[in-house]
Amino acid sequence: MLLLKNAKIINFYPPSVSKETDILIDDDKIIGVGKNISQNFAGENIIDLSGKYISTGLVCSHNHFYSALARGILANIKPSKNFTGILKNLWWKLDKAIDEEILYYSGLIGSLESIKAGTTSVVDHNSSPSFIKGSLNVLKKGFEKAGLRGILCYEITDRNGKADALKGIEESVDFINEIGQIKSSANLIEAAIGAHASFTLSDETLSLISEVITETGKGIHIHAGEDKFDEEYSKQKFGKSVIKRLNDFNLLNDKSILAHGVHLSLNEIKIINENDSFIVHNPRSNMNNSVGYLNNLRRIKNAAIGTDGIGSNMFEETKFAFFKNNDAKVKLPLEDFLKYLQNGNLILQRYFNSKFGKIEKGYKADLVVYDYNPPTPIVNKNLAGHFVFGFSSRDVETVIINGKIIYENRSFPFEVNSLYAEARKAATKLWKRMDKII
């Protein structure tokens, strides 16, 4: 058992701040919350958090760890005039250059950086067409080495030929079957069915993906309406919108994760809402790629927040979401963005079949301790203001995932400098391999 004493509990949504309270953890779950519950605790694993705040872990609902070694990239990349140019000149060259070693260090470093930022769960979307078979297991090793929780998938696409699309489906099914054999509360990894985007998927492949989703009970994780090209191509090629097409193949359910949604119509959002699916907002990526703004954010039933590969710092991403919303003159309340961040826990609940997102008895013990020292009072009514204008990843002191302390006093329980050194070597290799791809 683990006892956390005298912690000030903060729930970002609905916003609340408690007085100093004790939290008792057994195995992977919280089994007690209240003042002086330590009187009945005789164990030795006790941490006094006097003066510290604690929250549930943050969730990144859409990410690409395969891009973790692209930071400061020095490969020869042609200038791009539009979104599809960015894909072809940068990202589709990068993913083809990934081998097993590069993918391992991408996943491992991505996991370490997530934890340091207070992100305890990442919904990842992998693409490595030169290394498909076994790729999800390699990512899984990186997640587990760091102690990060994750939902993994492989990006199925026809853009590299039908054979590779079938390999992507096979990798997805094999991985789901493998993790399905591990029925343990200690299991940190779940799986979705990944797909790139409607414009790189044939009807035949969507039909095969639909069969897999029906057989496995999982959800699709796909880019939808990120750029206007996605919508235009779907209507021109298939005579229907992106979401109508996905829905016609029975690809939408309560585990579906649709990234971006910038160019989806109100009718498409209605279809998504009726299927209780998720749209993940990635504001920094949208700005970086100049694809537009998700003006219909307020109309989405299950909106969540992701980074689309720009790290896993959910403090930064949520703040950008709020500020960009103001800049677009949509003016949603501060609290709404904490709700979107909180909705990542709903994704976890549906995949892991456990309770996430509250510091209450029976919930998973994914927790973050902060040494945030506010210069102004912090109460329920202004917690959202403190999150956007005060709290930061710099305040993350200790991280607990699945009931285990995996990052304490800003340190991992293992040496990490050598891992970063190996990652730099892998990054250099990645960039050189990119230059050889036509």
Foldseek 3Di string as FASTA:
>chain_A
DAKEWQAFEFFLVLTFTHGGKMWDDDFFFTADIGHPPCVPPDDDRYHYQHLWYKFFFFEFEEAALLCQLCVVFDFDFDDAPALVSCCVRPVVLLLQLDDLLLLLLSLQVLLQLQVLLRHQEYEYEYGRLNYQACSVVSSVVSNVVLVGAYEYAYAQFCPVHPVSNVSRVVNQLVVQVVVVVDPDLSDRYHYAYEHEAPLRDDPVSLLVSLVVCVVRVHAYAYEFPLAVVRQVSCCVVPVDGRQVSNVVSVRAALLYEYEDCQGDDPVSLVVNVVRNYEYEHAQVVSVVNVRHDNLCQVVHPQYAYHHHHPRNNVLVRLLSNQVVCVVVVSDDDLSVSSVRRQSSQVSVCVGVVAHGRGSRRRHGPWMWMFSFDDPDDDGSVCVSVCSNPNDGSVRTQWTAGSNHTQAHRNHGPDDCPVSVVSNNVSSVSSSVSSNVDD
